[in-house]
Each structure stands twice: as structure tokens, then as C-alpha cells.
Amino acid sequence: MLLDLLHAIGRQQLSDLQASVEVVVVDNDQAHSALPVLSAWLGTPGLTLVFMHEPAPNISVARNAAIHKASGDWIAFIDDDETPETDWLSRLVEAQRRFQADAVFGPVIPRYGERT
């Protein structure tokens, strides 16, 4: 699911944002399962990819690690079981600018792999 998410982030419509996007991926699987996907993705033009391994299987630990690793002014969280629409980031920025908000959020609809 991580590869699908990375492709969806790569399709974001960013021309109106006047911003760059840095993708921070925290692999919090002890088996380091994201490494093959991330290794293949590293050369993708247009996106800066930052990767770190945090073996503790805890979403709070992973998100805190991402915050410490990120270098931008804003952070948008999304999990690998979610796929954003192409205007996801632009709508978040639009809402922040319109309301001068310190934080914005929207509904999240996760998708899960098929059960075997």
C-alpha cells in the first residue's frame, strides 16, 4: 500500500501552492518491510524523500519521529492505508490560508488489503 500512497502523493496538484513537498516516511515495522519500496522510489523526480526506520510499532512514536525529521513549515500526516485525492494538499493549504488556521484536517477513509 505504501507504493500506491507514494504514487498518489506524486500526483498532487501543487502548482497553486507555491511550496515544495518533502515526503517523510517512517517505517515502524521491525522487519523493515518498507525498504524495498523506498529504495525503488528514491530517484523519483519532483519529490524529496526522507526515510527513517523506527522499529517501535506505535503510531505515536512514528509520527513524533516524522516531526523531528521534517524540515518544512507545515506537516500533513497520512498513513499507508490511505490514498489522497489529487487536490488533497491544495485543499488543506486553501483552508489554512482562508481561515488563518493553526491546523486543518479532513475526513480520512482508509483502505485495507484483501483478507486471505
PDB file of N, CA and C in Angstrom:
ATOM      1  N   MET A   1       0.810  -1.196   0.000  1.00  0.00           N
ATOM      2  CA  MET A   1       0.000   0.000   0.000  1.00  0.00           C
ATOM      3  C   MET A   1       0.857   1.265   0.000  1.00  0.00           C
ATOM      4  N   LEU A   2       2.088   1.151   0.502  1.00  0.00           N
ATOM      5  CA  LEU A   2       2.971   2.316   0.533  1.00  0.00           C
ATOM      6  C   LEU A   2       3.266   2.821  -0.870  1.00  0.00           C
ATOM      7  N   LEU A   3       3.494   1.930  -1.801  1.00  0.00           N
ATOM      8  CA  LEU A   3       3.780   2.345  -3.173  1.00  0.00           C
ATOM      9  C   LEU A   3       2.601   3.105  -3.771  1.00  0.00           C
ATOM     10  N   ASP A   4       1.388   2.633  -3.532  1.00  0.00           N
ATOM     11  CA  ASP A   4       0.191   3.341  -4.014  1.00  0.00           C
ATOM     12  C   ASP A   4       0.111   4.739  -3.408  1.00  0.00           C
ATOM     13  N   LEU A   5       0.411   4.852  -2.125  1.00  0.00           N
ATOM     14  CA  LEU A   5       0.388   6.155  -1.470  1.00  0.00           C
ATOM     15  C   LEU A   5       1.435   7.088  -2.070  1.00  0.00           C
ATOM     16  N   LEU A   6       2.639   6.593  -2.283  1.00  0.00           N
ATOM     17  CA  LEU A   6       3.692   7.435  -2.861  1.00  0.00           C
ATOM     18  C   LEU A   6       3.308   7.917  -4.262  1.00  0.00           C
ATOM     19  N   HIS A   7       2.717   7.040  -5.053  1.00  0.00           N
ATOM     20  CA  HIS A   7       2.247   7.457  -6.384  1.00  0.00           C
ATOM     21  C   HIS A   7       1.176   8.538  -6.265  1.00  0.00           C
ATOM     22  N   ALA A   8       0.261   8.382  -5.316  1.00  0.00           N
ATOM     23  CA  ALA A   8      -0.812   9.365  -5.128  1.00  0.00           C
ATOM     24  C   ALA A   8      -0.246  10.708  -4.676  1.00  0.00           C
ATOM     25  N   ILE A   9       0.754  10.695  -3.834  1.00  0.00           N
ATOM     26  CA  ILE A   9       1.395  11.946  -3.422  1.00  0.00           C
ATOM     27  C   ILE A   9       2.113  12.579  -4.613  1.00  0.00           C
ATOM     28  N   GLY A  10       2.705  11.753  -5.438  1.00  0.00           N
ATOM     29  CA  GLY A  10       3.364  12.260  -6.643  1.00  0.00           C
ATOM     30  C   GLY A  10       2.399  12.896  -7.632  1.00  0.00           C
ATOM     31  N   ARG A  11       1.119  12.553  -7.550  1.00  0.00           N
ATOM     32  CA  ARG A  11       0.106  13.120  -8.454  1.00  0.00           C
ATOM     33  C   ARG A  11      -0.584  14.361  -7.876  1.00  0.00           C
ATOM     34  N   GLN A  12      -0.140  14.825  -6.736  1.00  0.00           N
ATOM     35  CA  GLN A  12      -0.767  16.001  -6.133  1.00  0.00           C
ATOM     36  C   GLN A  12      -0.620  17.211  -7.043  1.00  0.00           C
ATOM     37  N   GLN A  13      -1.672  17.992  -7.146  1.00  0.00           N
ATOM     38  CA  GLN A  13      -1.677  19.225  -7.937  1.00  0.00           C
ATOM     39  C   GLN A  13      -1.131  20.336  -7.053  1.00  0.00           C
ATOM     40  N   LEU A  14       0.122  20.704  -7.292  1.00  0.00           N
ATOM     41  CA  LEU A  14       0.806  21.613  -6.392  1.00  0.00           C
ATOM     42  C   LEU A  14       1.108  22.974  -6.996  1.00  0.00           C
ATOM     43  N   SER A  15       0.723  23.219  -8.236  1.00  0.00           N
ATOM     44  CA  SER A  15       1.133  24.441  -8.921  1.00  0.00           C
ATOM     45  C   SER A  15       0.659  25.706  -8.213  1.00  0.00           C
ATOM     46  N   ASP A  16      -0.488  25.692  -7.571  1.00  0.00           N
ATOM     47  CA  ASP A  16      -1.009  26.880  -6.900  1.00  0.00           C
ATOM     48  C   ASP A  16      -0.477  27.043  -5.477  1.00  0.00           C
ATOM     49  N   LEU A  17       0.228  26.049  -4.970  1.00  0.00           N
ATOM     50  CA  LEU A  17       0.650  26.090  -3.577  1.00  0.00           C
ATOM     51  C   LEU A  17       1.851  26.989  -3.328  1.00  0.00           C
ATOM     52  N   GLN A  18       2.672  27.193  -4.331  1.00  0.00           N
ATOM     53  CA  GLN A  18       3.918  27.927  -4.166  1.00  0.00           C
ATOM     54  C   GLN A  18       4.707  27.338  -3.002  1.00  0.00           C
ATOM     55  N   ALA A  19       4.835  26.040  -3.014  1.00  0.00           N
ATOM     56  CA  ALA A  19       5.537  25.345  -1.942  1.00  0.00           C
ATOM     57  C   ALA A  19       6.175  24.085  -2.502  1.00  0.00           C
ATOM     58  N   SER A  20       7.162  23.606  -1.812  1.00  0.00           N
ATOM     59  CA  SER A  20       7.753  22.329  -2.184  1.00  0.00           C
ATOM     60  C   SER A  20       7.254  21.273  -1.212  1.00  0.00           C
ATOM     61  N   VAL A  21       7.353  20.034  -1.617  1.00  0.00           N
ATOM     62  CA  VAL A  21       6.856  18.932  -0.800  1.00  0.00           C
ATOM     63  C   VAL A  21       8.019  18.002  -0.477  1.00  0.00           C
ATOM     64  N   GLU A  22       8.145  17.710   0.790  1.00  0.00           N
ATOM     65  CA  GLU A  22       9.114  16.740   1.276  1.00  0.00           C
ATOM     66  C   GLU A  22       8.307  15.587   1.854  1.00  0.00           C
ATOM     67  N   VAL A  23       8.559  14.386   1.405  1.00  0.00           N
ATOM     68  CA  VAL A  23       7.849  13.212   1.906  1.00  0.00           C
ATOM     69  C   VAL A  23       8.745  12.526   2.934  1.00  0.00           C
ATOM     70  N   VAL A  24       8.253  12.449   4.156  1.00  0.00           N
ATOM     71  CA  VAL A  24       8.984  11.773   5.232  1.00  0.00           C
ATOM     72  C   VAL A  24       8.266  10.460   5.503  1.00  0.00           C
ATOM     73  N   VAL A  25       8.964   9.370   5.310  1.00  0.00           N
ATOM     74  CA  VAL A  25       8.389   8.047   5.557  1.00  0.00           C
ATOM     75  C   VAL A  25       9.089   7.446   6.764  1.00  0.00           C
ATOM     76  N   VAL A  26       8.288   7.054   7.732  1.00  0.00           N
ATOM     77  CA  VAL A  26       8.812   6.373   8.908  1.00  0.00           C
ATOM     78  C   VAL A  26       8.337   4.927   8.842  1.00  0.00           C
ATOM     79  N   ASP A  27       9.277   4.033   8.662  1.00  0.00           N
ATOM     80  CA  ASP A  27       8.969   2.604   8.619  1.00  0.00           C
ATOM     81  C   ASP A  27       9.027   2.091  10.052  1.00  0.00           C
ATOM     82  N   ASN A  28       7.858   1.822  10.638  1.00  0.00           N
ATOM     83  CA  ASN A  28       7.865   1.350  12.023  1.00  0.00           C
ATOM     84  C   ASN A  28       7.537  -0.132  12.113  1.00  0.00           C
ATOM     85  N   ASP A  29       8.073  -0.851  11.171  1.00  0.00           N
ATOM     86  CA  ASP A  29       7.977  -2.309  11.166  1.00  0.00           C
ATOM     87  C   ASP A  29       9.355  -2.862  11.527  1.00  0.00           C
ATOM     88  N   GLN A  30       9.412  -3.714  12.528  1.00  0.00           N
ATOM     89  CA  GLN A  30      10.698  -4.275  12.945  1.00  0.00           C
ATOM     90  C   GLN A  30      11.404  -4.998  11.799  1.00  0.00           C
ATOM     91  N   ALA A  31      10.635  -5.565  10.879  1.00  0.00           N
ATOM     92  CA  ALA A  31      11.226  -6.297   9.752  1.00  0.00           C
ATOM     93  C   ALA A  31      11.706  -5.370   8.644  1.00  0.00           C
ATOM     94  N   HIS A  32      11.482  -4.054   8.798  1.00  0.00           N
ATOM     95  CA  HIS A  32      11.958  -3.071   7.812  1.00  0.00           C
ATOM     96  C   HIS A  32      11.322  -3.307   6.441  1.00  0.00           C
ATOM     97  N   SER A  33      10.013  -3.597   6.438  1.00  0.00           N
ATOM     98  CA  SER A  33       9.325  -4.021   5.209  1.00  0.00           C
ATOM     99  C   SER A  33       9.198  -2.931   4.147  1.00  0.00           C
ATOM    100  N   ALA A  34       9.329  -1.670   4.515  1.00  0.00           N
ATOM    101  CA  ALA A  34       9.191  -0.592   3.533  1.00  0.00           C
ATOM    102  C   ALA A  34      10.455  -0.366   2.715  1.00  0.00           C
ATOM    103  N   LEU A  35      11.562  -0.916   3.136  1.00  0.00           N
ATOM    104  CA  LEU A  35      12.846  -0.636   2.487  1.00  0.00           C
ATOM    105  C   LEU A  35      12.867  -0.912   0.988  1.00  0.00           C
ATOM    106  N   PRO A  36      12.370  -2.048   0.492  1.00  0.00           N
ATOM    107  CA  PRO A  36      12.407  -2.271  -0.958  1.00  0.00           C
ATOM    108  C   PRO A  36      11.600  -1.230  -1.751  1.00  0.00           C
ATOM    109  N   VAL A  37      10.442  -0.845  -1.243  1.00  0.00           N
ATOM    110  CA  VAL A  37       9.617   0.158  -1.926  1.00  0.00           C
ATOM    111  C   VAL A  37      10.327   1.499  -1.922  1.00  0.00           C
ATOM    112  N   LEU A  38      10.861   1.886  -0.787  1.00  0.00           N
ATOM    113  CA  LEU A  38      11.525   3.182  -0.669  1.00  0.00           C
ATOM    114  C   LEU A  38      12.806   3.244  -1.497  1.00  0.00           C
ATOM    115  N   SER A  39      13.535   2.159  -1.545  1.00  0.00           N
ATOM    116  CA  SER A  39      14.752   2.124  -2.356  1.00  0.00           C
ATOM    117  C   SER A  39      14.438   2.336  -3.826  1.00  0.00           C
ATOM    118  N   ALA A  40      13.350   1.756  -4.300  1.00  0.00           N
ATOM    119  CA  ALA A  40      12.943   1.928  -5.692  1.00  0.00           C
ATOM    120  C   ALA A  40      12.419   3.329  -5.956  1.00  0.00           C
ATOM    121  N   TRP A  41      11.844   3.956  -4.956  1.00  0.00           N
ATOM    122  CA  TRP A  41      11.209   5.262  -5.114  1.00  0.00           C
ATOM    123  C   TRP A  41      12.196   6.422  -5.000  1.00  0.00           C
ATOM    124  N   LEU A  42      13.352   6.214  -4.427  1.00  0.00           N
ATOM    125  CA  LEU A  42      14.282   7.299  -4.111  1.00  0.00           C
ATOM    126  C   LEU A  42      14.619   8.210  -5.281  1.00  0.00           C
ATOM    127  N   GLY A  43      14.658   7.713  -6.486  1.00  0.00           N
ATOM    128  CA  GLY A  43      15.052   8.540  -7.617  1.00  0.00           C
ATOM    129  C   GLY A  43      13.911   9.262  -8.306  1.00  0.00           C
ATOM    130  N   THR A  44      12.725   9.252  -7.753  1.00  0.00           N
ATOM    131  CA  THR A  44      11.575   9.857  -8.409  1.00  0.00           C
ATOM    132  C   THR A  44      11.724  11.379  -8.453  1.00  0.00           C
ATOM    133  N   PRO A  45      11.683  11.960  -9.664  1.00  0.00           N
ATOM    134  CA  PRO A  45      11.852  13.407  -9.772  1.00  0.00           C
ATOM    135  C   PRO A  45      10.657  14.174  -9.200  1.00  0.00           C
ATOM    136  N   GLY A  46      10.923  15.354  -8.648  1.00  0.00           N
ATOM    137  CA  GLY A  46       9.861  16.228  -8.179  1.00  0.00           C
ATOM    138  C   GLY A  46       9.502  16.084  -6.716  1.00  0.00           C
ATOM    139  N   LEU A  47       9.947  15.025  -6.086  1.00  0.00           N
ATOM    140  CA  LEU A  47       9.649  14.831  -4.667  1.00  0.00           C
ATOM    141  C   LEU A  47      10.942  14.564  -3.906  1.00  0.00           C
ATOM    142  N   THR A  48      11.059  15.191  -2.767  1.00  0.00           N
ATOM    143  CA  THR A  48      12.166  14.900  -1.859  1.00  0.00           C
ATOM    144  C   THR A  48      11.678  13.830  -0.898  1.00  0.00           C
ATOM    145  N   LEU A  49      12.396  12.735  -0.832  1.00  0.00           N
ATOM    146  CA  LEU A  49      12.004  11.633   0.036  1.00  0.00           C
ATOM    147  C   LEU A  49      13.019  11.492   1.162  1.00  0.00           C
ATOM    148  N   VAL A  50      12.522  11.538   2.380  1.00  0.00           N
ATOM    149  CA  VAL A  50      13.329  11.330   3.572  1.00  0.00           C
ATOM    150  C   VAL A  50      12.794  10.070   4.229  1.00  0.00           C
ATOM    151  N   PHE A  51      13.692   9.186   4.604  1.00  0.00           N
ATOM    152  CA  PHE A  51      13.274   7.892   5.132  1.00  0.00           C
ATOM    153  C   PHE A  51      13.991   7.611   6.436  1.00  0.00           C
ATOM    154  N   MET A  52      13.257   7.024   7.362  1.00  0.00           N
ATOM    155  CA  MET A  52      13.891   6.556   8.581  1.00  0.00           C
ATOM    156  C   MET A  52      13.192   5.298   9.088  1.00  0.00           C
ATOM    157  N   HIS A  53      13.958   4.492   9.771  1.00  0.00           N
ATOM    158  CA  HIS A  53      13.415   3.270  10.360  1.00  0.00           C
ATOM    159  C   HIS A  53      13.239   3.496  11.855  1.00  0.00           C
ATOM    160  N   GLU A  54      12.030   3.297  12.326  1.00  0.00           N
ATOM    161  CA  GLU A  54      11.705   3.395  13.753  1.00  0.00           C
ATOM    162  C   GLU A  54      11.036   2.084  14.120  1.00  0.00           C
ATOM    163  N   PRO A  55      11.782   1.143  14.674  1.00  0.00           N
ATOM    164  CA  PRO A  55      11.246  -0.209  14.858  1.00  0.00           C
ATOM    165  C   PRO A  55      10.115  -0.350  15.863  1.00  0.00           C
ATOM    166  N   ALA A  56       9.878   0.647  16.682  1.00  0.00           N
ATOM    167  CA  ALA A  56       8.777   0.546  17.651  1.00  0.00           C
ATOM    168  C   ALA A  56       7.440   0.597  16.924  1.00  0.00           C
ATOM    169  N   PRO A  57       6.611  -0.448  17.043  1.00  0.00           N
ATOM    170  CA  PRO A  57       5.322  -0.489  16.343  1.00  0.00           C
ATOM    171  C   PRO A  57       4.252   0.344  17.060  1.00  0.00           C
ATOM    172  N   ASN A  58       4.391   1.653  16.980  1.00  0.00           N
ATOM    173  CA  ASN A  58       3.499   2.556  17.694  1.00  0.00           C
ATOM    174  C   ASN A  58       3.335   3.804  16.842  1.00  0.00           C
ATOM    175  N   ILE A  59       2.104   4.130  16.454  1.00  0.00           N
ATOM    176  CA  ILE A  59       1.878   5.255  15.545  1.00  0.00           C
ATOM    177  C   ILE A  59       2.323   6.584  16.146  1.00  0.00           C
ATOM    178  N   SER A  60       2.197   6.751  17.446  1.00  0.00           N
ATOM    179  CA  SER A  60       2.645   7.989  18.082  1.00  0.00           C
ATOM    180  C   SER A  60       4.156   8.145  17.977  1.00  0.00           C
ATOM    181  N   VAL A  61       4.873   7.070  18.186  1.00  0.00           N
ATOM    182  CA  VAL A  61       6.332   7.105  18.058  1.00  0.00           C
ATOM    183  C   VAL A  61       6.724   7.428  16.617  1.00  0.00           C
ATOM    184  N   ALA A  62       6.042   6.807  15.660  1.00  0.00           N
ATOM    185  CA  ALA A  62       6.332   7.063  14.248  1.00  0.00           C
ATOM    186  C   ALA A  62       6.043   8.511  13.869  1.00  0.00           C
ATOM    187  N   ARG A  63       4.932   9.040  14.313  1.00  0.00           N
ATOM    188  CA  ARG A  63       4.595  10.438  13.978  1.00  0.00           C
ATOM    189  C   ARG A  63       5.545  11.418  14.642  1.00  0.00           C
ATOM    190  N   ASN A  64       5.921  11.164  15.870  1.00  0.00           N
ATOM    191  CA  ASN A  64       6.902  12.036  16.521  1.00  0.00           C
ATOM    192  C   ASN A  64       8.245  11.986  15.804  1.00  0.00           C
ATOM    193  N   ALA A  65       8.646  10.814  15.337  1.00  0.00           N
ATOM    194  CA  ALA A  65       9.891  10.696  14.574  1.00  0.00           C
ATOM    195  C   ALA A  65       9.794  11.497  13.279  1.00  0.00           C
ATOM    196  N   ALA A  66       8.641  11.446  12.621  1.00  0.00           N
ATOM    197  CA  ALA A  66       8.450  12.203  11.381  1.00  0.00           C
ATOM    198  C   ALA A  66       8.529  13.699  11.638  1.00  0.00           C
ATOM    199  N   ILE A  67       7.946  14.161  12.717  1.00  0.00           N
ATOM    200  CA  ILE A  67       8.008  15.583  13.057  1.00  0.00           C
ATOM    201  C   ILE A  67       9.453  16.023  13.249  1.00  0.00           C
ATOM    202  N   HIS A  68      10.233  15.226  13.944  1.00  0.00           N
ATOM    203  CA  HIS A  68      11.633  15.582  14.184  1.00  0.00           C
ATOM    204  C   HIS A  68      12.467  15.555  12.903  1.00  0.00           C
ATOM    205  N   LYS A  69      12.093  14.707  11.963  1.00  0.00           N
ATOM    206  CA  LYS A  69      12.859  14.567  10.720  1.00  0.00           C
ATOM    207  C   LYS A  69      12.456  15.609   9.668  1.00  0.00           C
ATOM    208  N   ALA A  70      11.226  16.076   9.713  1.00  0.00           N
ATOM    209  CA  ALA A  70      10.713  17.004   8.702  1.00  0.00           C
ATOM    210  C   ALA A  70      11.418  18.355   8.790  1.00  0.00           C
ATOM    211  N   SER A  71      11.546  19.015   7.634  1.00  0.00           N
ATOM    212  CA  SER A  71      12.233  20.310   7.607  1.00  0.00           C
ATOM    213  C   SER A  71      11.321  21.456   7.169  1.00  0.00           C
ATOM    214  N   GLY A  72      10.086  21.187   6.850  1.00  0.00           N
ATOM    215  CA  GLY A  72       9.189  22.216   6.340  1.00  0.00           C
ATOM    216  C   GLY A  72       8.482  23.011   7.421  1.00  0.00           C
ATOM    217  N   ASP A  73       7.697  23.975   6.972  1.00  0.00           N
ATOM    218  CA  ASP A  73       6.914  24.808   7.884  1.00  0.00           C
ATOM    219  C   ASP A  73       5.613  24.118   8.293  1.00  0.00           C
ATOM    220  N   TRP A  74       5.112  23.228   7.443  1.00  0.00           N
ATOM    221  CA  TRP A  74       3.842  22.544   7.677  1.00  0.00           C
ATOM    222  C   TRP A  74       4.043  21.042   7.539  1.00  0.00           C
ATOM    223  N   ILE A  75       3.206  20.292   8.236  1.00  0.00           N
ATOM    224  CA  ILE A  75       3.247  18.832   8.162  1.00  0.00           C
ATOM    225  C   ILE A  75       1.839  18.328   7.871  1.00  0.00           C
ATOM    226  N   ALA A  76       1.728  17.431   6.902  1.00  0.00           N
ATOM    227  CA  ALA A  76       0.462  16.757   6.611  1.00  0.00           C
ATOM    228  C   ALA A  76       0.687  15.269   6.860  1.00  0.00           C
ATOM    229  N   PHE A  77      -0.089  14.699   7.744  1.00  0.00           N
ATOM    230  CA  PHE A  77       0.038  13.278   8.048  1.00  0.00           C
ATOM    231  C   PHE A  77      -0.906  12.471   7.179  1.00  0.00           C
ATOM    232  N   ILE A  78      -0.416  11.336   6.706  1.00  0.00           N
ATOM    233  CA  ILE A  78      -1.258  10.369   6.014  1.00  0.00           C
ATOM    234  C   ILE A  78      -0.618   9.001   6.222  1.00  0.00           C
ATOM    235  N   ASP A  79      -1.440   7.990   6.369  1.00  0.00           N
ATOM    236  CA  ASP A  79      -0.947   6.635   6.592  1.00  0.00           C
ATOM    237  C   ASP A  79      -0.967   5.850   5.291  1.00  0.00           C
ATOM    238  N   ASP A  80      -0.235   4.756   5.268  1.00  0.00           N
ATOM    239  CA  ASP A  80      -0.111   3.987   4.024  1.00  0.00           C
ATOM    240  C   ASP A  80      -1.360   3.193   3.662  1.00  0.00           C
ATOM    241  N   ASP A  81      -2.382   3.235   4.499  1.00  0.00           N
ATOM    242  CA  ASP A  81      -3.652   2.603   4.130  1.00  0.00           C
ATOM    243  C   ASP A  81      -4.655   3.634   3.620  1.00  0.00           C
ATOM    244  N   GLU A  82      -4.159   4.814   3.253  1.00  0.00           N
ATOM    245  CA  GLU A  82      -4.996   5.892   2.736  1.00  0.00           C
ATOM    246  C   GLU A  82      -4.465   6.336   1.374  1.00  0.00           C
ATOM    247  N   THR A  83      -5.358   6.817   0.540  1.00  0.00           N
ATOM    248  CA  THR A  83      -4.968   7.337  -0.774  1.00  0.00           C
ATOM    249  C   THR A  83      -5.628   8.695  -0.961  1.00  0.00           C
ATOM    250  N   PRO A  84      -4.836   9.764  -1.038  1.00  0.00           N
ATOM    251  CA  PRO A  84      -5.435  11.095  -1.161  1.00  0.00           C
ATOM    252  C   PRO A  84      -5.890  11.390  -2.580  1.00  0.00           C
ATOM    253  N   GLU A  85      -6.914  12.232  -2.678  1.00  0.00           N
ATOM    254  CA  GLU A  85      -7.321  12.764  -3.977  1.00  0.00           C
ATOM    255  C   GLU A  85      -6.211  13.696  -4.469  1.00  0.00           C
ATOM    256  N   THR A  86      -6.198  14.004  -5.760  1.00  0.00           N
ATOM    257  CA  THR A  86      -5.116  14.822  -6.323  1.00  0.00           C
ATOM    258  C   THR A  86      -5.099  16.249  -5.789  1.00  0.00           C
ATOM    259  N   ASP A  87      -6.199  16.701  -5.200  1.00  0.00           N
ATOM    260  CA  ASP A  87      -6.240  18.057  -4.653  1.00  0.00           C
ATOM    261  C   ASP A  87      -6.164  18.078  -3.122  1.00  0.00           C
ATOM    262  N   TRP A  88      -5.747  16.986  -2.532  1.00  0.00           N
ATOM    263  CA  TRP A  88      -5.688  16.858  -1.078  1.00  0.00           C
ATOM    264  C   TRP A  88      -4.839  17.961  -0.441  1.00  0.00           C
ATOM    265  N   LEU A  89      -3.592  18.085  -0.850  1.00  0.00           N
ATOM    266  CA  LEU A  89      -2.723  19.089  -0.247  1.00  0.00           C
ATOM    267  C   LEU A  89      -3.183  20.503  -0.566  1.00  0.00           C
ATOM    268  N   SER A  90      -3.614  20.743  -1.784  1.00  0.00           N
ATOM    269  CA  SER A  90      -4.039  22.097  -2.141  1.00  0.00           C
ATOM    270  C   SER A  90      -5.278  22.515  -1.336  1.00  0.00           C
ATOM    271  N   ARG A  91      -6.174  21.575  -1.054  1.00  0.00           N
ATOM    272  CA  ARG A  91      -7.353  21.910  -0.237  1.00  0.00           C
ATOM    273  C   ARG A  91      -6.978  22.191   1.216  1.00  0.00           C
ATOM    274  N   LEU A  92      -6.008  21.439   1.741  1.00  0.00           N
ATOM    275  CA  LEU A  92      -5.549  21.712   3.097  1.00  0.00           C
ATOM    276  C   LEU A  92      -4.930  23.108   3.180  1.00  0.00           C
ATOM    277  N   VAL A  93      -4.093  23.434   2.207  1.00  0.00           N
ATOM    278  CA  VAL A  93      -3.455  24.756   2.192  1.00  0.00           C
ATOM    279  C   VAL A  93      -4.503  25.852   2.003  1.00  0.00           C
ATOM    280  N   GLU A  94      -5.440  25.619   1.114  1.00  0.00           N
ATOM    281  CA  GLU A  94      -6.512  26.592   0.885  1.00  0.00           C
ATOM    282  C   GLU A  94      -7.294  26.872   2.166  1.00  0.00           C
ATOM    283  N   ALA A  95      -7.631  25.829   2.910  1.00  0.00           N
ATOM    284  CA  ALA A  95      -8.372  26.005   4.163  1.00  0.00           C
ATOM    285  C   ALA A  95      -7.523  26.746   5.191  1.00  0.00           C
ATOM    286  N   GLN A  96      -6.246  26.416   5.268  1.00  0.00           N
ATOM    287  CA  GLN A  96      -5.379  27.105   6.229  1.00  0.00           C
ATOM    288  C   GLN A  96      -5.290  28.581   5.906  1.00  0.00           C
ATOM    289  N   ARG A  97      -5.102  28.899   4.643  1.00  0.00           N
ATOM    290  CA  ARG A  97      -4.975  30.306   4.249  1.00  0.00           C
ATOM    291  C   ARG A  97      -6.293  31.058   4.443  1.00  0.00           C
ATOM    292  N   ARG A  98      -7.385  30.434   4.076  1.00  0.00           N
ATOM    293  CA  ARG A  98      -8.694  31.091   4.162  1.00  0.00           C
ATOM    294  C   ARG A  98      -9.068  31.443   5.602  1.00  0.00           C
ATOM    295  N   PHE A  99      -8.796  30.518   6.516  1.00  0.00           N
ATOM    296  CA  PHE A  99      -9.202  30.715   7.904  1.00  0.00           C
ATOM    297  C   PHE A  99      -8.039  31.101   8.820  1.00  0.00           C
ATOM    298  N   GLN A 100      -6.829  31.267   8.241  1.00  0.00           N
ATOM    299  CA  GLN A 100      -5.643  31.568   9.043  1.00  0.00           C
ATOM    300  C   GLN A 100      -5.518  30.591  10.216  1.00  0.00           C
ATOM    301  N   ALA A 101      -5.759  29.330   9.916  1.00  0.00           N
ATOM    302  CA  ALA A 101      -5.794  28.289  10.944  1.00  0.00           C
ATOM    303  C   ALA A 101      -4.393  27.829  11.328  1.00  0.00           C
ATOM    304  N   ASP A 102      -4.251  27.421  12.567  1.00  0.00           N
ATOM    305  CA  ASP A 102      -3.004  26.817  13.023  1.00  0.00           C
ATOM    306  C   ASP A 102      -2.922  25.353  12.616  1.00  0.00           C
ATOM    307  N   ALA A 103      -4.085  24.732  12.406  1.00  0.00           N
ATOM    308  CA  ALA A 103      -4.145  23.332  11.985  1.00  0.00           C
ATOM    309  C   ALA A 103      -5.420  23.127  11.173  1.00  0.00           C
ATOM    310  N   VAL A 104      -5.350  22.257  10.193  1.00  0.00           N
ATOM    311  CA  VAL A 104      -6.526  21.878   9.405  1.00  0.00           C
ATOM    312  C   VAL A 104      -6.537  20.367   9.267  1.00  0.00           C
ATOM    313  N   PHE A 105      -7.721  19.822   9.046  1.00  0.00           N
ATOM    314  CA  PHE A 105      -7.843  18.384   8.848  1.00  0.00           C
ATOM    315  C   PHE A 105      -9.113  18.107   8.072  1.00  0.00           C
ATOM    316  N   GLY A 106      -9.221  16.904   7.594  1.00  0.00           N
ATOM    317  CA  GLY A 106     -10.402  16.494   6.863  1.00  0.00           C
ATOM    318  C   GLY A 106     -10.663  15.026   7.104  1.00  0.00           C
ATOM    319  N   PRO A 107     -11.747  14.540   6.547  1.00  0.00           N
ATOM    320  CA  PRO A 107     -12.069  13.126   6.753  1.00  0.00           C
ATOM    321  C   PRO A 107     -11.033  12.223   6.077  1.00  0.00           C
ATOM    322  N   VAL A 108     -10.830  11.093   6.669  1.00  0.00           N
ATOM    323  CA  VAL A 108      -9.889  10.104   6.143  1.00  0.00           C
ATOM    324  C   VAL A 108     -10.638   8.798   5.982  1.00  0.00           C
ATOM    325  N   ILE A 109     -10.558   8.235   4.801  1.00  0.00           N
ATOM    326  CA  ILE A 109     -11.202   6.951   4.543  1.00  0.00           C
ATOM    327  C   ILE A 109     -10.100   5.944   4.254  1.00  0.00           C
ATOM    328  N   PRO A 110      -9.780   5.072   5.212  1.00  0.00           N
ATOM    329  CA  PRO A 110      -8.717   4.087   4.981  1.00  0.00           C
ATOM    330  C   PRO A 110      -9.170   3.004   4.022  1.00  0.00           C
ATOM    331  N   ARG A 111      -8.208   2.367   3.399  1.00  0.00           N
ATOM    332  CA  ARG A 111      -8.486   1.209   2.567  1.00  0.00           C
ATOM    333  C   ARG A 111      -7.613   0.083   3.096  1.00  0.00           C
ATOM    334  N   TYR A 112      -8.153  -1.072   3.110  1.00  0.00           N
ATOM    335  CA  TYR A 112      -7.433  -2.210   3.641  1.00  0.00           C
ATOM    336  C   TYR A 112      -7.261  -3.247   2.553  1.00  0.00           C
ATOM    337  N   GLY A 113      -6.135  -3.965   2.619  1.00  0.00           N
ATOM    338  CA  GLY A 113      -5.893  -5.034   1.658  1.00  0.00           C
ATOM    339  C   GLY A 113      -6.923  -6.152   1.817  1.00  0.00           C
ATOM    340  N   GLU A 114      -7.013  -6.956   0.794  1.00  0.00           N
ATOM    341  CA  GLU A 114      -7.955  -8.072   0.866  1.00  0.00           C
ATOM    342  C   GLU A 114      -7.512  -9.074   1.907  1.00  0.00           C
ATOM    343  N   ARG A 115      -8.495  -9.618   2.579  1.00  0.00           N
ATOM    344  CA  ARG A 115      -8.193 -10.645   3.576  1.00  0.00           C
ATOM    345  C   ARG A 115      -7.960 -11.967   2.871  1.00  0.00           C
ATOM    346  N   THR A 116      -7.049 -12.725   3.399  1.00  0.00           N
ATOM    347  CA  THR A 116      -6.771 -14.047   2.809  1.00  0.00           C
ATOM    348  C   THR A 116      -7.235 -15.146   3.720  1.00  0.00           C
TER     349      THR A 116
END
